[in-house]
Amino acid sequence: MSGSEERMAIPLAELQEFAPQLRSVKEYMNRTGDTFDQYNDAFGDDRVVDALDSFVSGWKDGRSDISEQLTGLADMTDTVITTVTDYEDELARTLQDSGGGEGGGSVGGEQQAV
C-alpha cells in the first residue's frame, strides 16, 4: 500500500455498539405482532382488525428472513471485532517480544543485522 487512501480503518468502538443494536432491532421487530393483538377491541370495526391481522400475518412471514439477516450481520460484526482485537493483541505481543520495534530487533528478541 502506497498511501493512506488505500488503508482500511475499522472503527471498533462503533462496531461494538452495532451488534447489540442489531439484536435490539430484531427483538423489537419480533414483538410487533404481539403489540397489535392487545388493541383489537379498541379498533372497533372488524374490517380494521381483519386488515391488521392480514398485515401482521404477512409481516410474520417476511420477518423471519429479516430476523435471520439481522442475526447474521450481528454475528459477522462480532467476528470482525474478535479477529481485529486478536490480531492487534498478537501484533502488540510481537512488538513487545522484539524490543518494541526499536533497535532492529526481530520476533523472539533476537538481534538482526541492519
PDB file of N, CA and C in Angstrom:
ATOM      1  N   MET A   1       0.834  -1.170   0.000  1.00  0.00           N
ATOM      2  CA  MET A   1       0.000   0.000   0.000  1.00  0.00           C
ATOM      3  C   MET A   1       0.879   1.232   0.000  1.00  0.00           C
ATOM      4  N   SER A   2       0.634   2.094  -0.937  1.00  0.00           N
ATOM      5  CA  SER A   2       1.497   3.247  -1.076  1.00  0.00           C
ATOM      6  C   SER A   2       1.020   4.448  -0.289  1.00  0.00           C
ATOM      7  N   GLY A   3      -0.253   4.577  -0.032  1.00  0.00           N
ATOM      8  CA  GLY A   3      -0.738   5.764   0.654  1.00  0.00           C
ATOM      9  C   GLY A   3      -1.868   5.450   1.605  1.00  0.00           C
ATOM     10  N   SER A   4      -2.198   6.439   2.414  1.00  0.00           N
ATOM     11  CA  SER A   4      -3.231   6.231   3.420  1.00  0.00           C
ATOM     12  C   SER A   4      -4.612   6.028   2.797  1.00  0.00           C
ATOM     13  N   GLU A   5      -4.825   6.500   1.555  1.00  0.00           N
ATOM     14  CA  GLU A   5      -6.128   6.313   0.911  1.00  0.00           C
ATOM     15  C   GLU A   5      -6.417   4.849   0.617  1.00  0.00           C
ATOM     16  N   GLU A   6      -5.422   3.980   0.641  1.00  0.00           N
ATOM     17  CA  GLU A   6      -5.607   2.567   0.376  1.00  0.00           C
ATOM     18  C   GLU A   6      -5.763   1.753   1.654  1.00  0.00           C
ATOM     19  N   ARG A   7      -5.627   2.383   2.781  1.00  0.00           N
ATOM     20  CA  ARG A   7      -5.737   1.672   4.053  1.00  0.00           C
ATOM     21  C   ARG A   7      -7.192   1.598   4.494  1.00  0.00           C
ATOM     22  N   MET A   8      -7.482   0.547   5.224  1.00  0.00           N
ATOM     23  CA  MET A   8      -8.834   0.365   5.724  1.00  0.00           C
ATOM     24  C   MET A   8      -8.840   0.626   7.224  1.00  0.00           C
ATOM     25  N   ALA A   9      -9.719   1.489   7.659  1.00  0.00           N
ATOM     26  CA  ALA A   9      -9.872   1.774   9.080  1.00  0.00           C
ATOM     27  C   ALA A   9     -11.127   1.077   9.578  1.00  0.00           C
ATOM     28  N   ILE A  10     -10.998   0.367  10.674  1.00  0.00           N
ATOM     29  CA  ILE A  10     -12.138  -0.340  11.247  1.00  0.00           C
ATOM     30  C   ILE A  10     -12.468   0.322  12.587  1.00  0.00           C
ATOM     31  N   PRO A  11     -13.602   1.003  12.662  1.00  0.00           N
ATOM     32  CA  PRO A  11     -13.993   1.679  13.907  1.00  0.00           C
ATOM     33  C   PRO A  11     -14.553   0.665  14.916  1.00  0.00           C
ATOM     34  N   LEU A  12     -13.676   0.085  15.713  1.00  0.00           N
ATOM     35  CA  LEU A  12     -14.099  -0.990  16.620  1.00  0.00           C
ATOM     36  C   LEU A  12     -15.124  -0.522  17.642  1.00  0.00           C
ATOM     37  N   ALA A  13     -14.976   0.697  18.143  1.00  0.00           N
ATOM     38  CA  ALA A  13     -15.934   1.185  19.147  1.00  0.00           C
ATOM     39  C   ALA A  13     -17.348   1.215  18.560  1.00  0.00           C
ATOM     40  N   GLU A  14     -17.462   1.700  17.333  1.00  0.00           N
ATOM     41  CA  GLU A  14     -18.769   1.761  16.691  1.00  0.00           C
ATOM     42  C   GLU A  14     -19.292   0.350  16.381  1.00  0.00           C
ATOM     43  N   LEU A  15     -18.399  -0.528  15.959  1.00  0.00           N
ATOM     44  CA  LEU A  15     -18.821  -1.905  15.680  1.00  0.00           C
ATOM     45  C   LEU A  15     -19.300  -2.608  16.945  1.00  0.00           C
ATOM     46  N   GLN A  16     -18.638  -2.322  18.061  1.00  0.00           N
ATOM     47  CA  GLN A  16     -19.039  -2.952  19.313  1.00  0.00           C
ATOM     48  C   GLN A  16     -20.439  -2.508  19.729  1.00  0.00           C
ATOM     49  N   GLU A  17     -20.844  -1.301  19.331  1.00  0.00           N
ATOM     50  CA  GLU A  17     -22.195  -0.839  19.604  1.00  0.00           C
ATOM     51  C   GLU A  17     -23.190  -1.375  18.569  1.00  0.00           C
ATOM     52  N   PHE A  18     -22.716  -1.651  17.360  1.00  0.00           N
ATOM     53  CA  PHE A  18     -23.571  -2.031  16.252  1.00  0.00           C
ATOM     54  C   PHE A  18     -24.232  -3.392  16.452  1.00  0.00           C
ATOM     55  N   ALA A  19     -23.473  -4.384  16.877  1.00  0.00           N
ATOM     56  CA  ALA A  19     -24.028  -5.735  17.048  1.00  0.00           C
ATOM     57  C   ALA A  19     -25.179  -5.753  18.055  1.00  0.00           C
ATOM     58  N   PRO A  20     -25.038  -5.155  19.238  1.00  0.00           N
ATOM     59  CA  PRO A  20     -26.179  -5.140  20.162  1.00  0.00           C
ATOM     60  C   PRO A  20     -27.375  -4.348  19.617  1.00  0.00           C
ATOM     61  N   GLN A  21     -27.102  -3.303  18.843  1.00  0.00           N
ATOM     62  CA  GLN A  21     -28.197  -2.541  18.247  1.00  0.00           C
ATOM     63  C   GLN A  21     -28.968  -3.398  17.246  1.00  0.00           C
ATOM     64  N   LEU A  22     -28.250  -4.179  16.450  1.00  0.00           N
ATOM     65  CA  LEU A  22     -28.915  -5.080  15.502  1.00  0.00           C
ATOM     66  C   LEU A  22     -29.782  -6.089  16.240  1.00  0.00           C
ATOM     67  N   ARG A  23     -29.250  -6.631  17.323  1.00  0.00           N
ATOM     68  CA  ARG A  23     -30.025  -7.613  18.088  1.00  0.00           C
ATOM     69  C   ARG A  23     -31.251  -6.958  18.735  1.00  0.00           C
ATOM     70  N   SER A  24     -31.108  -5.710  19.152  1.00  0.00           N
ATOM     71  CA  SER A  24     -32.223  -4.972  19.728  1.00  0.00           C
ATOM     72  C   SER A  24     -33.319  -4.723  18.682  1.00  0.00           C
ATOM     73  N   VAL A  25     -32.922  -4.349  17.469  1.00  0.00           N
ATOM     74  CA  VAL A  25     -33.887  -4.157  16.383  1.00  0.00           C
ATOM     75  C   VAL A  25     -34.629  -5.461  16.117  1.00  0.00           C
ATOM     76  N   LYS A  26     -33.896  -6.554  16.101  1.00  0.00           N
ATOM     77  CA  LYS A  26     -34.509  -7.866  15.854  1.00  0.00           C
ATOM     78  C   LYS A  26     -35.541  -8.196  16.936  1.00  0.00           C
ATOM     79  N   GLU A  27     -35.178  -7.990  18.193  1.00  0.00           N
ATOM     80  CA  GLU A  27     -36.103  -8.293  19.291  1.00  0.00           C
ATOM     81  C   GLU A  27     -37.345  -7.415  19.224  1.00  0.00           C
ATOM     82  N   TYR A  28     -37.150  -6.138  18.955  1.00  0.00           N
ATOM     83  CA  TYR A  28     -38.284  -5.220  18.853  1.00  0.00           C
ATOM     84  C   TYR A  28     -39.183  -5.617  17.686  1.00  0.00           C
ATOM     85  N   MET A  29     -38.576  -5.913  16.556  1.00  0.00           N
ATOM     86  CA  MET A  29     -39.319  -6.307  15.368  1.00  0.00           C
ATOM     87  C   MET A  29     -40.143  -7.571  15.633  1.00  0.00           C
ATOM     88  N   ASN A  30     -39.565  -8.520  16.334  1.00  0.00           N
ATOM     89  CA  ASN A  30     -40.252  -9.786  16.584  1.00  0.00           C
ATOM     90  C   ASN A  30     -41.398  -9.653  17.596  1.00  0.00           C
ATOM     91  N   ARG A  31     -41.440  -8.549  18.336  1.00  0.00           N
ATOM     92  CA  ARG A  31     -42.543  -8.314  19.279  1.00  0.00           C
ATOM     93  C   ARG A  31     -43.697  -7.546  18.631  1.00  0.00           C
ATOM     94  N   THR A  32     -43.521  -7.060  17.421  1.00  0.00           N
ATOM     95  CA  THR A  32     -44.502  -6.181  16.786  1.00  0.00           C
ATOM     96  C   THR A  32     -45.884  -6.807  16.686  1.00  0.00           C
ATOM     97  N   GLY A  33     -45.993  -8.032  16.236  1.00  0.00           N
ATOM     98  CA  GLY A  33     -47.286  -8.687  16.081  1.00  0.00           C
ATOM     99  C   GLY A  33     -48.034  -8.791  17.385  1.00  0.00           C
ATOM    100  N   ASP A  34     -47.348  -9.105  18.445  1.00  0.00           N
ATOM    101  CA  ASP A  34     -47.971  -9.236  19.750  1.00  0.00           C
ATOM    102  C   ASP A  34     -48.510  -7.894  20.241  1.00  0.00           C
ATOM    103  N   THR A  35     -47.872  -6.814  19.864  1.00  0.00           N
ATOM    104  CA  THR A  35     -48.288  -5.487  20.293  1.00  0.00           C
ATOM    105  C   THR A  35     -49.673  -5.148  19.742  1.00  0.00           C
ATOM    106  N   PHE A  36     -49.931  -5.475  18.489  1.00  0.00           N
ATOM    107  CA  PHE A  36     -51.213  -5.157  17.878  1.00  0.00           C
ATOM    108  C   PHE A  36     -52.355  -5.963  18.492  1.00  0.00           C
ATOM    109  N   ASP A  37     -52.086  -7.191  18.876  1.00  0.00           N
ATOM    110  CA  ASP A  37     -53.144  -8.064  19.395  1.00  0.00           C
ATOM    111  C   ASP A  37     -53.862  -7.460  20.606  1.00  0.00           C
ATOM    112  N   GLN A  38     -53.152  -6.739  21.419  1.00  0.00           N
ATOM    113  CA  GLN A  38     -53.761  -6.202  22.636  1.00  0.00           C
ATOM    114  C   GLN A  38     -54.719  -5.035  22.363  1.00  0.00           C
ATOM    115  N   TYR A  39     -54.703  -4.493  21.139  1.00  0.00           N
ATOM    116  CA  TYR A  39     -55.560  -3.351  20.814  1.00  0.00           C
ATOM    117  C   TYR A  39     -56.755  -3.726  19.928  1.00  0.00           C
ATOM    118  N   ASN A  40     -56.966  -4.995  19.636  1.00  0.00           N
ATOM    119  CA  ASN A  40     -58.055  -5.417  18.736  1.00  0.00           C
ATOM    120  C   ASN A  40     -59.410  -4.857  19.152  1.00  0.00           C
ATOM    121  N   ASP A  41     -59.748  -4.889  20.429  1.00  0.00           N
ATOM    122  CA  ASP A  41     -61.053  -4.399  20.892  1.00  0.00           C
ATOM    123  C   ASP A  41     -61.186  -2.888  20.681  1.00  0.00           C
ATOM    124  N   ALA A  42     -60.096  -2.166  20.775  1.00  0.00           N
ATOM    125  CA  ALA A  42     -60.132  -0.713  20.641  1.00  0.00           C
ATOM    126  C   ALA A  42     -60.345  -0.264  19.194  1.00  0.00           C
ATOM    127  N   PHE A  43     -60.053  -1.119  18.221  1.00  0.00           N
ATOM    128  CA  PHE A  43     -60.205  -0.735  16.819  1.00  0.00           C
ATOM    129  C   PHE A  43     -61.669  -0.635  16.405  1.00  0.00           C
ATOM    130  N   GLY A  44     -62.524  -1.367  17.067  1.00  0.00           N
ATOM    131  CA  GLY A  44     -63.950  -1.277  16.775  1.00  0.00           C
ATOM    132  C   GLY A  44     -64.364  -2.085  15.565  1.00  0.00           C
ATOM    133  N   ASP A  45     -64.242  -1.524  14.403  1.00  0.00           N
ATOM    134  CA  ASP A  45     -64.694  -2.141  13.155  1.00  0.00           C
ATOM    135  C   ASP A  45     -63.889  -3.415  12.875  1.00  0.00           C
ATOM    136  N   ASP A  46     -64.589  -4.504  12.614  1.00  0.00           N
ATOM    137  CA  ASP A  46     -63.929  -5.785  12.339  1.00  0.00           C
ATOM    138  C   ASP A  46     -63.076  -5.737  11.072  1.00  0.00           C
ATOM    139  N   ARG A  47     -63.431  -4.855  10.141  1.00  0.00           N
ATOM    140  CA  ARG A  47     -62.637  -4.742   8.911  1.00  0.00           C
ATOM    141  C   ARG A  47     -61.233  -4.230   9.222  1.00  0.00           C
ATOM    142  N   VAL A  48     -61.144  -3.332  10.202  1.00  0.00           N
ATOM    143  CA  VAL A  48     -59.825  -2.816  10.600  1.00  0.00           C
ATOM    144  C   VAL A  48     -59.013  -3.938  11.245  1.00  0.00           C
ATOM    145  N   VAL A  49     -59.664  -4.679  12.109  1.00  0.00           N
ATOM    146  CA  VAL A  49     -58.983  -5.797  12.779  1.00  0.00           C
ATOM    147  C   VAL A  49     -58.539  -6.832  11.748  1.00  0.00           C
ATOM    148  N   ASP A  50     -59.408  -7.159  10.795  1.00  0.00           N
ATOM    149  CA  ASP A  50     -59.060  -8.137   9.754  1.00  0.00           C
ATOM    150  C   ASP A  50     -57.895  -7.647   8.891  1.00  0.00           C
ATOM    151  N   ALA A  51     -57.919  -6.376   8.525  1.00  0.00           N
ATOM    152  CA  ALA A  51     -56.828  -5.810   7.710  1.00  0.00           C
ATOM    153  C   ALA A  51     -55.518  -5.843   8.484  1.00  0.00           C
ATOM    154  N   LEU A  52     -55.595  -5.500   9.761  1.00  0.00           N
ATOM    155  CA  LEU A  52     -54.379  -5.525  10.579  1.00  0.00           C
ATOM    156  C   LEU A  52     -53.877  -6.945  10.765  1.00  0.00           C
ATOM    157  N   ASP A  53     -54.785  -7.892  10.978  1.00  0.00           N
ATOM    158  CA  ASP A  53     -54.381  -9.302  11.104  1.00  0.00           C
ATOM    159  C   ASP A  53     -53.717  -9.798   9.826  1.00  0.00           C
ATOM    160  N   SER A  54     -54.258  -9.375   8.686  1.00  0.00           N
ATOM    161  CA  SER A  54     -53.672  -9.755   7.403  1.00  0.00           C
ATOM    162  C   SER A  54     -52.261  -9.187   7.268  1.00  0.00           C
ATOM    163  N   PHE A  55     -52.106  -7.925   7.659  1.00  0.00           N
ATOM    164  CA  PHE A  55     -50.778  -7.301   7.598  1.00  0.00           C
ATOM    165  C   PHE A  55     -49.800  -8.026   8.517  1.00  0.00           C
ATOM    166  N   VAL A  56     -50.219  -8.277   9.747  1.00  0.00           N
ATOM    167  CA  VAL A  56     -49.340  -8.932  10.722  1.00  0.00           C
ATOM    168  C   VAL A  56     -48.955 -10.324  10.247  1.00  0.00           C
ATOM    169  N   SER A  57     -49.894 -11.042   9.646  1.00  0.00           N
ATOM    170  CA  SER A  57     -49.600 -12.376   9.130  1.00  0.00           C
ATOM    171  C   SER A  57     -48.522 -12.320   8.046  1.00  0.00           C
ATOM    172  N   GLY A  58     -48.676 -11.399   7.111  1.00  0.00           N
ATOM    173  CA  GLY A  58     -47.661 -11.217   6.069  1.00  0.00           C
ATOM    174  C   GLY A  58     -46.343 -10.748   6.641  1.00  0.00           C
ATOM    175  N   TRP A  59     -46.422  -9.885   7.639  1.00  0.00           N
ATOM    176  CA  TRP A  59     -45.220  -9.363   8.281  1.00  0.00           C
ATOM    177  C   TRP A  59     -44.447 -10.487   8.962  1.00  0.00           C
ATOM    178  N   LYS A  60     -45.176 -11.419   9.587  1.00  0.00           N
ATOM    179  CA  LYS A  60     -44.510 -12.542  10.256  1.00  0.00           C
ATOM    180  C   LYS A  60     -43.752 -13.403   9.254  1.00  0.00           C
ATOM    181  N   ASP A  61     -44.314 -13.569   8.052  1.00  0.00           N
ATOM    182  CA  ASP A  61     -43.641 -14.369   7.026  1.00  0.00           C
ATOM    183  C   ASP A  61     -42.310 -13.737   6.625  1.00  0.00           C
ATOM    184  N   GLY A  62     -42.317 -12.450   6.351  1.00  0.00           N
ATOM    185  CA  GLY A  62     -41.090 -11.759   5.937  1.00  0.00           C
ATOM    186  C   GLY A  62     -40.143 -11.488   7.085  1.00  0.00           C
ATOM    187  N   ARG A  63     -40.713 -11.379   8.267  1.00  0.00           N
ATOM    188  CA  ARG A  63     -39.914 -11.066   9.449  1.00  0.00           C
ATOM    189  C   ARG A  63     -38.883 -12.147   9.742  1.00  0.00           C
ATOM    190  N   SER A  64     -39.213 -13.379   9.439  1.00  0.00           N
ATOM    191  CA  SER A  64     -38.277 -14.479   9.680  1.00  0.00           C
ATOM    192  C   SER A  64     -36.988 -14.286   8.884  1.00  0.00           C
ATOM    193  N   ASP A  65     -37.126 -13.922   7.614  1.00  0.00           N
ATOM    194  CA  ASP A  65     -35.936 -13.687   6.781  1.00  0.00           C
ATOM    195  C   ASP A  65     -35.123 -12.502   7.297  1.00  0.00           C
ATOM    196  N   ILE A  66     -35.815 -11.427   7.631  1.00  0.00           N
ATOM    197  CA  ILE A  66     -35.123 -10.243   8.149  1.00  0.00           C
ATOM    198  C   ILE A  66     -34.430 -10.572   9.464  1.00  0.00           C
ATOM    199  N   SER A  67     -35.098 -11.341  10.301  1.00  0.00           N
ATOM    200  CA  SER A  67     -34.533 -11.736  11.592  1.00  0.00           C
ATOM    201  C   SER A  67     -33.235 -12.525  11.407  1.00  0.00           C
ATOM    202  N   GLU A  68     -33.245 -13.460  10.463  1.00  0.00           N
ATOM    203  CA  GLU A  68     -32.033 -14.244  10.178  1.00  0.00           C
ATOM    204  C   GLU A  68     -30.905 -13.353   9.672  1.00  0.00           C
ATOM    205  N   GLN A  69     -31.251 -12.391   8.824  1.00  0.00           N
ATOM    206  CA  GLN A  69     -30.225 -11.485   8.289  1.00  0.00           C
ATOM    207  C   GLN A  69     -29.649 -10.591   9.383  1.00  0.00           C
ATOM    208  N   LEU A  70     -30.496 -10.114  10.292  1.00  0.00           N
ATOM    209  CA  LEU A  70     -30.006  -9.299  11.402  1.00  0.00           C
ATOM    210  C   LEU A  70     -29.076 -10.110  12.299  1.00  0.00           C
ATOM    211  N   THR A  71     -29.445 -11.363  12.551  1.00  0.00           N
ATOM    212  CA  THR A  71     -28.586 -12.236  13.355  1.00  0.00           C
ATOM    213  C   THR A  71     -27.247 -12.457  12.653  1.00  0.00           C
ATOM    214  N   GLY A  72     -27.289 -12.698  11.352  1.00  0.00           N
ATOM    215  CA  GLY A  72     -26.055 -12.899  10.587  1.00  0.00           C
ATOM    216  C   GLY A  72     -25.160 -11.678  10.618  1.00  0.00           C
ATOM    217  N   LEU A  73     -25.737 -10.488  10.444  1.00  0.00           N
ATOM    218  CA  LEU A  73     -24.942  -9.252  10.496  1.00  0.00           C
ATOM    219  C   LEU A  73     -24.328  -9.041  11.878  1.00  0.00           C
ATOM    220  N   ALA A  74     -25.113  -9.295  12.909  1.00  0.00           N
ATOM    221  CA  ALA A  74     -24.595  -9.140  14.271  1.00  0.00           C
ATOM    222  C   ALA A  74     -23.458 -10.131  14.528  1.00  0.00           C
ATOM    223  N   ASP A  75     -23.614 -11.368  14.074  1.00  0.00           N
ATOM    224  CA  ASP A  75     -22.563 -12.373  14.246  1.00  0.00           C
ATOM    225  C   ASP A  75     -21.304 -11.998  13.465  1.00  0.00           C
ATOM    226  N   MET A  76     -21.487 -11.487  12.236  1.00  0.00           N
ATOM    227  CA  MET A  76     -20.332 -11.054  11.442  1.00  0.00           C
ATOM    228  C   MET A  76     -19.610  -9.896  12.114  1.00  0.00           C
ATOM    229  N   THR A  77     -20.380  -8.990  12.696  1.00  0.00           N
ATOM    230  CA  THR A  77     -19.791  -7.861  13.414  1.00  0.00           C
ATOM    231  C   THR A  77     -18.965  -8.358  14.592  1.00  0.00           C
ATOM    232  N   ASP A  78     -19.508  -9.304  15.345  1.00  0.00           N
ATOM    233  CA  ASP A  78     -18.756  -9.892  16.465  1.00  0.00           C
ATOM    234  C   ASP A  78     -17.472 -10.557  15.984  1.00  0.00           C
ATOM    235  N   THR A  79     -17.539 -11.249  14.850  1.00  0.00           N
ATOM    236  CA  THR A  79     -16.364 -11.921  14.298  1.00  0.00           C
ATOM    237  C   THR A  79     -15.290 -10.910  13.898  1.00  0.00           C
ATOM    238  N   VAL A  80     -15.695  -9.815  13.281  1.00  0.00           N
ATOM    239  CA  VAL A  80     -14.725  -8.778  12.893  1.00  0.00           C
ATOM    240  C   VAL A  80     -14.056  -8.210  14.134  1.00  0.00           C
ATOM    241  N   ILE A  81     -14.832  -7.900  15.154  1.00  0.00           N
ATOM    242  CA  ILE A  81     -14.283  -7.339  16.392  1.00  0.00           C
ATOM    243  C   ILE A  81     -13.288  -8.311  17.019  1.00  0.00           C
ATOM    244  N   THR A  82     -13.661  -9.585  17.114  1.00  0.00           N
ATOM    245  CA  THR A  82     -12.787 -10.590  17.710  1.00  0.00           C
ATOM    246  C   THR A  82     -11.511 -10.767  16.894  1.00  0.00           C
ATOM    247  N   THR A  83     -11.637 -10.846  15.582  1.00  0.00           N
ATOM    248  CA  THR A  83     -10.478 -11.051  14.710  1.00  0.00           C
ATOM    249  C   THR A  83      -9.509  -9.884  14.782  1.00  0.00           C
ATOM    250  N   VAL A  84     -10.032  -8.667  14.702  1.00  0.00           N
ATOM    251  CA  VAL A  84      -9.164  -7.483  14.749  1.00  0.00           C
ATOM    252  C   VAL A  84      -8.525  -7.348  16.120  1.00  0.00           C
ATOM    253  N   THR A  85      -9.282  -7.572  17.165  1.00  0.00           N
ATOM    254  CA  THR A  85      -8.731  -7.482  18.524  1.00  0.00           C
ATOM    255  C   THR A  85      -7.637  -8.523  18.741  1.00  0.00           C
ATOM    256  N   ASP A  86      -7.881  -9.759  18.303  1.00  0.00           N
ATOM    257  CA  ASP A  86      -6.869 -10.810  18.430  1.00  0.00           C
ATOM    258  C   ASP A  86      -5.608 -10.450  17.644  1.00  0.00           C
ATOM    259  N   TYR A  87      -5.788  -9.911  16.434  1.00  0.00           N
ATOM    260  CA  TYR A  87      -4.646  -9.518  15.600  1.00  0.00           C
ATOM    261  C   TYR A  87      -3.858  -8.396  16.270  1.00  0.00           C
ATOM    262  N   GLU A  88      -4.549  -7.405  16.805  1.00  0.00           N
ATOM    263  CA  GLU A  88      -3.862  -6.305  17.486  1.00  0.00           C
ATOM    264  C   GLU A  88      -3.104  -6.803  18.712  1.00  0.00           C
ATOM    265  N   ASP A  89      -3.727  -7.718  19.469  1.00  0.00           N
ATOM    266  CA  ASP A  89      -3.053  -8.284  20.641  1.00  0.00           C
ATOM    267  C   ASP A  89      -1.800  -9.050  20.233  1.00  0.00           C
ATOM    268  N   GLU A  90      -1.912  -9.848  19.165  1.00  0.00           N
ATOM    269  CA  GLU A  90      -0.759 -10.601  18.669  1.00  0.00           C
ATOM    270  C   GLU A  90       0.341  -9.662  18.187  1.00  0.00           C
ATOM    271  N   LEU A  91      -0.034  -8.623  17.477  1.00  0.00           N
ATOM    272  CA  LEU A  91       0.937  -7.635  16.995  1.00  0.00           C
ATOM    273  C   LEU A  91       1.629  -6.942  18.160  1.00  0.00           C
ATOM    274  N   ALA A  92       0.881  -6.590  19.186  1.00  0.00           N
ATOM    275  CA  ALA A  92       1.462  -5.946  20.360  1.00  0.00           C
ATOM    276  C   ALA A  92       2.451  -6.881  21.064  1.00  0.00           C
ATOM    277  N   ARG A  93       2.084  -8.168  21.193  1.00  0.00           N
ATOM    278  CA  ARG A  93       2.996  -9.139  21.823  1.00  0.00           C
ATOM    279  C   ARG A  93       4.273  -9.293  20.994  1.00  0.00           C
ATOM    280  N   THR A  94       4.114  -9.349  19.675  1.00  0.00           N
ATOM    281  CA  THR A  94       5.269  -9.498  18.793  1.00  0.00           C
ATOM    282  C   THR A  94       6.194  -8.300  18.920  1.00  0.00           C
ATOM    283  N   LEU A  95       5.606  -7.102  18.934  1.00  0.00           N
ATOM    284  CA  LEU A  95       6.428  -5.890  19.086  1.00  0.00           C
ATOM    285  C   LEU A  95       7.109  -5.860  20.439  1.00  0.00           C
ATOM    286  N   GLN A  96       6.392  -6.266  21.470  1.00  0.00           N
ATOM    287  CA  GLN A  96       6.984  -6.276  22.811  1.00  0.00           C
ATOM    288  C   GLN A  96       8.111  -7.300  22.888  1.00  0.00           C
ATOM    289  N   ASP A  97       7.899  -8.479  22.311  1.00  0.00           N
ATOM    290  CA  ASP A  97       8.924  -9.519  22.318  1.00  0.00           C
ATOM    291  C   ASP A  97      10.151  -9.120  21.509  1.00  0.00           C
ATOM    292  N   SER A  98       9.942  -8.258  20.509  1.00  0.00           N
ATOM    293  CA  SER A  98      11.058  -7.865  19.664  1.00  0.00           C
ATOM    294  C   SER A  98      11.715  -6.574  20.142  1.00  0.00           C
ATOM    295  N   GLY A  99      11.401  -6.166  21.315  1.00  0.00           N
ATOM    296  CA  GLY A  99      12.017  -4.951  21.838  1.00  0.00           C
ATOM    297  C   GLY A  99      11.219  -3.704  21.500  1.00  0.00           C
ATOM    298  N   GLY A 100       9.956  -3.849  21.247  1.00  0.00           N
ATOM    299  CA  GLY A 100       9.097  -2.701  20.994  1.00  0.00           C
ATOM    300  C   GLY A 100       9.250  -2.117  19.623  1.00  0.00           C
ATOM    301  N   GLY A 101       9.894  -2.839  18.731  1.00  0.00           N
ATOM    302  CA  GLY A 101      10.047  -2.325  17.372  1.00  0.00           C
ATOM    303  C   GLY A 101      11.195  -1.348  17.243  1.00  0.00           C
ATOM    304  N   GLU A 102      11.963  -1.141  18.305  1.00  0.00           N
ATOM    305  CA  GLU A 102      13.089  -0.211  18.259  1.00  0.00           C
ATOM    306  C   GLU A 102      14.391  -0.994  18.199  1.00  0.00           C
ATOM    307  N   GLY A 103      15.349  -0.482  17.514  1.00  0.00           N
ATOM    308  CA  GLY A 103      16.687  -1.069  17.502  1.00  0.00           C
ATOM    309  C   GLY A 103      16.839  -2.245  16.571  1.00  0.00           C
ATOM    310  N   GLY A 104      15.909  -2.502  15.680  1.00  0.00           N
ATOM    311  CA  GLY A 104      16.073  -3.556  14.676  1.00  0.00           C
ATOM    312  C   GLY A 104      15.911  -4.956  15.206  1.00  0.00           C
ATOM    313  N   GLY A 105      15.215  -5.147  16.327  1.00  0.00           N
ATOM    314  CA  GLY A 105      15.006  -6.483  16.861  1.00  0.00           C
ATOM    315  C   GLY A 105      14.046  -7.265  16.006  1.00  0.00           C
ATOM    316  N   SER A 106      14.021  -8.580  16.196  1.00  0.00           N
ATOM    317  CA  SER A 106      13.100  -9.424  15.449  1.00  0.00           C
ATOM    318  C   SER A 106      12.264 -10.204  16.442  1.00  0.00           C
ATOM    319  N   VAL A 107      11.321 -10.972  15.934  1.00  0.00           N
ATOM    320  CA  VAL A 107      10.459 -11.769  16.789  1.00  0.00           C
ATOM    321  C   VAL A 107      11.310 -12.702  17.637  1.00  0.00           C
ATOM    322  N   GLY A 108      10.968 -12.793  18.910  1.00  0.00           N
ATOM    323  CA  GLY A 108      11.693 -13.688  19.809  1.00  0.00           C
ATOM    324  C   GLY A 108      12.841 -12.972  20.509  1.00  0.00           C
ATOM    325  N   GLY A 109      13.042 -11.686  20.266  1.00  0.00           N
ATOM    326  CA  GLY A 109      14.066 -10.916  20.954  1.00  0.00           C
ATOM    327  C   GLY A 109      15.458 -11.051  20.365  1.00  0.00           C
ATOM    328  N   GLU A 110      15.655 -11.828  19.305  1.00  0.00           N
ATOM    329  CA  GLU A 110      16.975 -11.985  18.707  1.00  0.00           C
ATOM    330  C   GLU A 110      17.337 -10.727  17.932  1.00  0.00           C
ATOM    331  N   GLN A 111      18.608 -10.349  17.946  1.00  0.00           N
ATOM    332  CA  GLN A 111      19.077  -9.188  17.199  1.00  0.00           C
ATOM    333  C   GLN A 111      19.293  -9.566  15.752  1.00  0.00           C
ATOM    334  N   GLN A 112      18.959  -8.654  14.883  1.00  0.00           N
ATOM    335  CA  GLN A 112      19.137  -8.898  13.469  1.00  0.00           C
ATOM    336  C   GLN A 112      20.016  -7.794  12.899  1.00  0.00           C
ATOM    337  N   ALA A 113      20.923  -8.183  11.992  1.00  0.00           N
ATOM    338  CA  ALA A 113      21.812  -7.196  11.380  1.00  0.00           C
ATOM    339  C   ALA A 113      20.995  -6.216  10.567  1.00  0.00           C
ATOM    340  N   VAL A 114      21.409  -4.957  10.652  1.00  0.00           N
ATOM    341  CA  VAL A 114      20.704  -3.911   9.922  1.00  0.00           C
ATOM    342  C   VAL A 114      21.515  -3.490   8.734  1.00  0.00           C
TER     343      VAL A 114
END
